[in-house]
N, C-alpha and C. Protein backbone atom coordinates (compact mmCIF):
# COMPACT_ATOMS: atom_id res chain seq x y z
N MET A 1 0.77 -1.03 0.08
CA MET A 1 0.06 -0.02 -0.08
C MET A 1 0.92 1.08 0.06
N ARG A 2 0.59 2.14 -0.64
CA ARG A 2 1.49 3.31 -0.87
C ARG A 2 1.01 4.40 0.20
N ARG A 3 2.01 4.91 0.65
CA ARG A 3 1.83 6.12 1.58
C ARG A 3 1.94 7.39 0.94
N LYS A 4 1.21 8.36 1.41
CA LYS A 4 1.37 9.57 0.57
C LYS A 4 2.66 10.29 0.95
N SER A 5 3.29 11.06 0.11
CA SER A 5 4.47 11.77 0.10
C SER A 5 4.22 12.80 0.91
N ALA A 6 5.19 12.86 1.84
CA ALA A 6 5.20 14.26 2.39
C ALA A 6 5.86 15.45 1.41
N LEU A 7 6.32 15.31 0.52
CA LEU A 7 6.86 16.16 -0.49
C LEU A 7 5.65 16.91 -1.15
N THR A 8 5.65 18.28 -1.39
CA THR A 8 4.80 19.01 -1.97
C THR A 8 4.90 18.79 -3.58
N VAL A 9 4.05 19.19 -4.17
CA VAL A 9 4.37 18.85 -5.67
C VAL A 9 5.40 19.98 -6.26
N GLU A 10 5.50 20.76 -5.84
CA GLU A 10 6.74 21.53 -6.51
C GLU A 10 7.92 21.10 -6.13
N GLN A 11 8.08 20.32 -4.88
CA GLN A 11 9.37 19.98 -4.65
C GLN A 11 9.54 18.84 -5.23
N ARG A 12 8.66 17.92 -5.57
CA ARG A 12 8.84 16.47 -6.50
C ARG A 12 9.16 17.16 -7.97
N THR A 13 8.42 18.23 -8.35
CA THR A 13 8.88 18.73 -9.55
C THR A 13 10.26 19.10 -9.56
N GLN A 14 10.49 19.57 -8.81
CA GLN A 14 12.47 20.04 -8.75
C GLN A 14 13.18 18.73 -8.78
N PHE A 15 12.77 17.74 -8.09
CA PHE A 15 13.56 16.66 -7.98
C PHE A 15 13.34 15.99 -9.44
N VAL A 16 12.21 16.06 -9.88
CA VAL A 16 12.26 15.27 -11.41
C VAL A 16 12.89 15.81 -12.46
N LEU A 17 13.07 17.56 -12.39
CA LEU A 17 13.62 18.19 -13.29
C LEU A 17 15.17 18.11 -13.14
N LYS A 18 15.59 17.73 -11.77
CA LYS A 18 16.77 17.64 -11.63
C LYS A 18 17.24 16.06 -12.29
N LEU A 19 16.44 15.13 -12.18
CA LEU A 19 16.63 13.98 -12.76
C LEU A 19 16.65 14.07 -14.58
N LEU A 20 15.96 14.77 -14.69
CA LEU A 20 15.68 15.02 -16.42
C LEU A 20 16.98 15.92 -16.79
N SER A 21 17.57 16.76 -16.14
CA SER A 21 18.58 17.69 -16.57
C SER A 21 19.82 16.84 -16.45
N LYS A 22 20.03 15.72 -15.64
CA LYS A 22 21.06 14.91 -15.37
C LYS A 22 22.02 15.47 -14.48
N GLU A 23 21.66 16.26 -13.80
CA GLU A 23 22.66 17.24 -12.69
C GLU A 23 23.24 16.03 -11.64
N GLU A 24 22.56 15.24 -11.51
CA GLU A 24 22.90 13.93 -10.66
C GLU A 24 22.15 13.00 -10.90
N SER A 25 22.98 11.66 -10.31
CA SER A 25 22.34 10.29 -10.66
C SER A 25 20.88 10.18 -9.90
N GLY A 26 20.05 9.27 -10.26
CA GLY A 26 18.87 9.18 -9.82
C GLY A 26 18.69 8.84 -8.29
N ALA A 27 19.91 7.69 -7.97
CA ALA A 27 20.16 7.31 -7.02
C ALA A 27 20.43 8.32 -5.72
N GLN A 28 21.19 9.40 -6.12
CA GLN A 28 21.60 10.63 -5.52
C GLN A 28 20.33 11.36 -5.13
N ILE A 29 19.37 11.82 -5.98
CA ILE A 29 18.35 12.52 -6.13
C ILE A 29 17.28 11.90 -5.27
N ALA A 30 17.03 10.61 -5.44
CA ALA A 30 16.23 9.89 -4.50
C ALA A 30 16.53 9.77 -3.30
N ARG A 31 17.91 9.59 -2.75
CA ARG A 31 18.26 9.49 -1.56
C ARG A 31 17.94 11.01 -1.05
N ARG A 32 18.15 12.20 -1.76
CA ARG A 32 18.05 13.42 -0.92
C ARG A 32 16.58 13.58 -0.69
N ALA A 33 15.83 13.05 -1.74
CA ALA A 33 14.28 13.32 -1.46
C ALA A 33 13.87 12.33 -0.45
N GLY A 34 14.39 11.47 -0.19
CA GLY A 34 13.96 10.40 0.87
C GLY A 34 12.87 9.23 0.14
N VAL A 35 13.29 9.07 -0.82
CA VAL A 35 12.23 8.17 -1.73
C VAL A 35 12.97 7.34 -2.02
N SER A 36 12.42 6.08 -2.74
CA SER A 36 12.94 5.14 -3.40
C SER A 36 13.40 5.60 -4.71
N GLU A 37 14.16 4.81 -5.89
CA GLU A 37 14.49 5.32 -7.16
C GLU A 37 13.07 4.92 -7.92
N GLN A 38 12.45 3.77 -7.67
CA GLN A 38 11.42 3.63 -8.21
C GLN A 38 10.33 4.62 -8.12
N THR A 39 10.29 5.25 -6.92
CA THR A 39 9.24 6.22 -6.81
C THR A 39 9.60 7.66 -7.74
N LEU A 40 10.84 7.85 -7.51
CA LEU A 40 11.48 9.00 -8.41
C LEU A 40 11.30 8.92 -9.85
N TYR A 41 11.37 7.43 -10.18
CA TYR A 41 11.07 7.36 -11.65
C TYR A 41 9.67 7.39 -12.26
N ARG A 42 8.60 7.01 -11.20
CA ARG A 42 7.51 6.86 -11.41
C ARG A 42 6.88 8.41 -11.64
N TRP A 43 7.10 8.97 -10.55
CA TRP A 43 7.26 10.67 -10.74
C TRP A 43 7.53 11.30 -11.91
N ARG A 44 8.84 10.76 -12.40
CA ARG A 44 9.34 11.28 -13.77
C ARG A 44 8.39 10.88 -14.98
N ASP A 45 7.73 9.64 -14.86
CA ASP A 45 6.85 9.18 -16.00
C ASP A 45 5.60 9.87 -16.01
N GLU A 46 5.17 10.28 -14.57
CA GLU A 46 3.81 10.99 -14.59
C GLU A 46 3.91 12.48 -14.82
N PHE A 47 5.17 12.73 -14.53
CA PHE A 47 5.36 14.24 -15.06
C PHE A 47 5.42 14.25 -16.52
N LEU A 48 6.06 13.43 -17.46
CA LEU A 48 6.11 13.46 -18.55
C LEU A 48 4.93 13.10 -19.24
N SER A 49 3.91 12.31 -18.83
CA SER A 49 2.76 11.96 -19.26
C SER A 49 1.79 13.03 -19.48
N GLY A 50 2.07 13.72 -18.24
CA GLY A 50 1.13 14.99 -18.31
C GLY A 50 1.87 16.29 -18.91
N GLY A 51 2.93 16.20 -19.37
CA GLY A 51 3.68 17.09 -20.38
C GLY A 51 2.96 16.67 -21.59
N ALA A 52 2.89 15.48 -21.96
CA ALA A 52 2.70 15.22 -23.35
C ALA A 52 1.12 15.49 -23.41
N ALA A 53 0.20 15.20 -22.62
CA ALA A 53 -1.11 15.70 -22.69
C ALA A 53 -1.29 17.20 -22.84
N GLY A 54 -0.47 17.93 -22.20
CA GLY A 54 -0.46 19.56 -22.32
C GLY A 54 0.13 19.76 -23.95
N LEU A 55 0.70 19.12 -24.46
CA LEU A 55 1.32 19.35 -25.91
C LEU A 55 0.47 18.64 -27.02
N ALA A 56 -0.58 17.76 -26.35
CA ALA A 56 -1.52 17.31 -27.61
C ALA A 56 -2.34 18.32 -28.12
N GLY A 57 -2.52 19.34 -27.51
CA GLY A 57 -3.27 20.34 -27.99
C GLY A 57 -4.10 20.89 -27.11
N ARG A 58 -4.99 21.91 -27.58
CA ARG A 58 -5.92 22.89 -26.64
C ARG A 58 -7.30 21.97 -26.55
N GLY A 59 -7.63 20.78 -26.89
CA GLY A 59 -9.02 20.23 -27.08
C GLY A 59 -9.42 20.17 -25.86
N SER A 60 -8.40 19.31 -24.83
CA SER A 60 -9.00 19.15 -23.64
C SER A 60 -9.37 20.28 -23.05
N ASN A 61 -8.36 21.33 -23.02
CA ASN A 61 -8.87 22.76 -22.49
C ASN A 61 -10.01 23.47 -22.97
N ASP A 62 -10.48 23.14 -24.19
CA ASP A 62 -11.75 23.44 -24.73
C ASP A 62 -12.72 23.17 -24.23
N LEU A 63 -12.88 21.61 -24.09
CA LEU A 63 -13.83 21.01 -23.61
C LEU A 63 -14.18 21.28 -22.31
N GLN A 64 -13.14 21.55 -21.26
CA GLN A 64 -13.07 21.89 -19.87
C GLN A 64 -13.88 23.55 -19.79
N ALA A 65 -13.31 24.14 -20.59
CA ALA A 65 -13.97 25.71 -20.89
C ALA A 65 -15.31 25.54 -21.20
N LYS A 66 -15.84 24.75 -22.02
CA LYS A 66 -17.13 24.59 -22.35
C LYS A 66 -17.86 24.10 -21.16
N GLU A 67 -17.56 23.06 -20.57
CA GLU A 67 -18.03 22.30 -19.56
C GLU A 67 -18.17 23.38 -18.24
N ILE A 68 -17.26 24.34 -17.83
CA ILE A 68 -17.18 25.34 -16.78
C ILE A 68 -18.35 26.26 -17.31
N GLU A 69 -18.40 26.80 -18.45
CA GLU A 69 -19.47 27.55 -19.23
C GLU A 69 -20.96 27.19 -18.71
N LYS A 70 -20.90 26.13 -19.45
CA LYS A 70 -22.37 25.25 -19.10
C LYS A 70 -22.70 25.19 -17.67
N LEU A 71 -21.92 25.04 -16.76
CA LEU A 71 -22.04 24.91 -15.14
C LEU A 71 -22.51 26.28 -14.78
N LYS A 72 -21.65 27.17 -15.23
CA LYS A 72 -22.17 28.77 -14.76
C LYS A 72 -23.58 29.20 -15.25
N GLU A 73 -23.93 28.69 -16.41
CA GLU A 73 -25.21 29.11 -16.69
C GLU A 73 -26.25 28.39 -16.25
N GLN A 74 -25.86 27.26 -15.61
CA GLN A 74 -26.90 26.30 -14.91
C GLN A 74 -27.04 27.09 -13.38
N LEU A 75 -25.94 27.37 -12.79
CA LEU A 75 -26.20 28.18 -11.88
C LEU A 75 -26.46 29.33 -11.59
N ALA A 76 -26.62 30.17 -12.73
CA ALA A 76 -27.07 31.39 -13.06
C ALA A 76 -28.80 30.98 -12.88
N GLU A 77 -28.90 30.24 -13.78
CA GLU A 77 -30.49 29.99 -13.59
C GLU A 77 -31.06 29.38 -12.26
N ARG A 78 -30.34 28.59 -11.73
CA ARG A 78 -30.69 28.30 -10.38
C ARG A 78 -30.77 29.57 -9.34
N ASP A 79 -29.80 30.47 -9.51
CA ASP A 79 -29.91 31.54 -8.67
C ASP A 79 -31.16 32.32 -8.72
N GLN A 80 -31.42 32.28 -10.07
CA GLN A 80 -32.71 33.11 -10.63
C GLN A 80 -33.90 32.53 -9.91
N VAL A 81 -34.18 31.32 -10.00
CA VAL A 81 -35.26 30.61 -9.54
C VAL A 81 -35.30 30.62 -7.96
N ILE A 82 -34.01 30.56 -7.38
CA ILE A 82 -34.04 30.75 -5.95
C ILE A 82 -34.63 32.21 -5.29
N GLY A 83 -34.04 33.31 -6.37
CA GLY A 83 -34.53 34.74 -6.10
C GLY A 83 -36.17 34.81 -6.37
N GLU A 84 -36.55 34.12 -7.35
CA GLU A 84 -37.97 34.14 -7.52
C GLU A 84 -38.78 33.68 -6.50
N ILE A 85 -38.34 32.54 -5.83
CA ILE A 85 -39.05 31.92 -4.76
C ILE A 85 -38.91 32.65 -3.45
N THR A 86 -37.81 33.11 -3.23
CA THR A 86 -37.77 33.91 -2.23
C THR A 86 -38.69 35.14 -2.08
N VAL A 87 -38.73 35.94 -3.48
CA VAL A 87 -39.57 37.12 -3.36
C VAL A 87 -41.15 36.39 -3.26
N VAL A 88 -41.52 35.26 -3.71
CA VAL A 88 -42.66 34.99 -3.58
C VAL A 88 -43.33 34.58 -2.17
N ASN A 89 -42.26 33.91 -1.61
CA ASN A 89 -42.37 33.66 -0.03
C ASN A 89 -42.49 35.00 0.86
N ARG A 90 -41.90 36.02 0.34
CA ARG A 90 -41.89 37.05 1.25
C ARG A 90 -43.45 37.62 1.00
N ILE A 91 -44.01 37.66 -0.03
CA ILE A 91 -45.01 38.23 -0.26
C ILE A 91 -46.11 37.55 0.35
């Protein structure tokens, strides 16, 4: 069972960037981070897969933006209904 890392995302990112730039060996970086080499390389793979998704294009960002806009419209509509019900109840 995995335990949650005590390192922040920024700290993990810095260790991965050092690994990718080959400033030090993976063993040295893992030792300094207090994790196994396997964990360090898993972070690297996750980092790179996230980067690949970012380079894939703006399609996913456009879908998220459309979904956010749709949810904002639904929220505005519900706010209006709640406002109308509040006015009716006060009368």
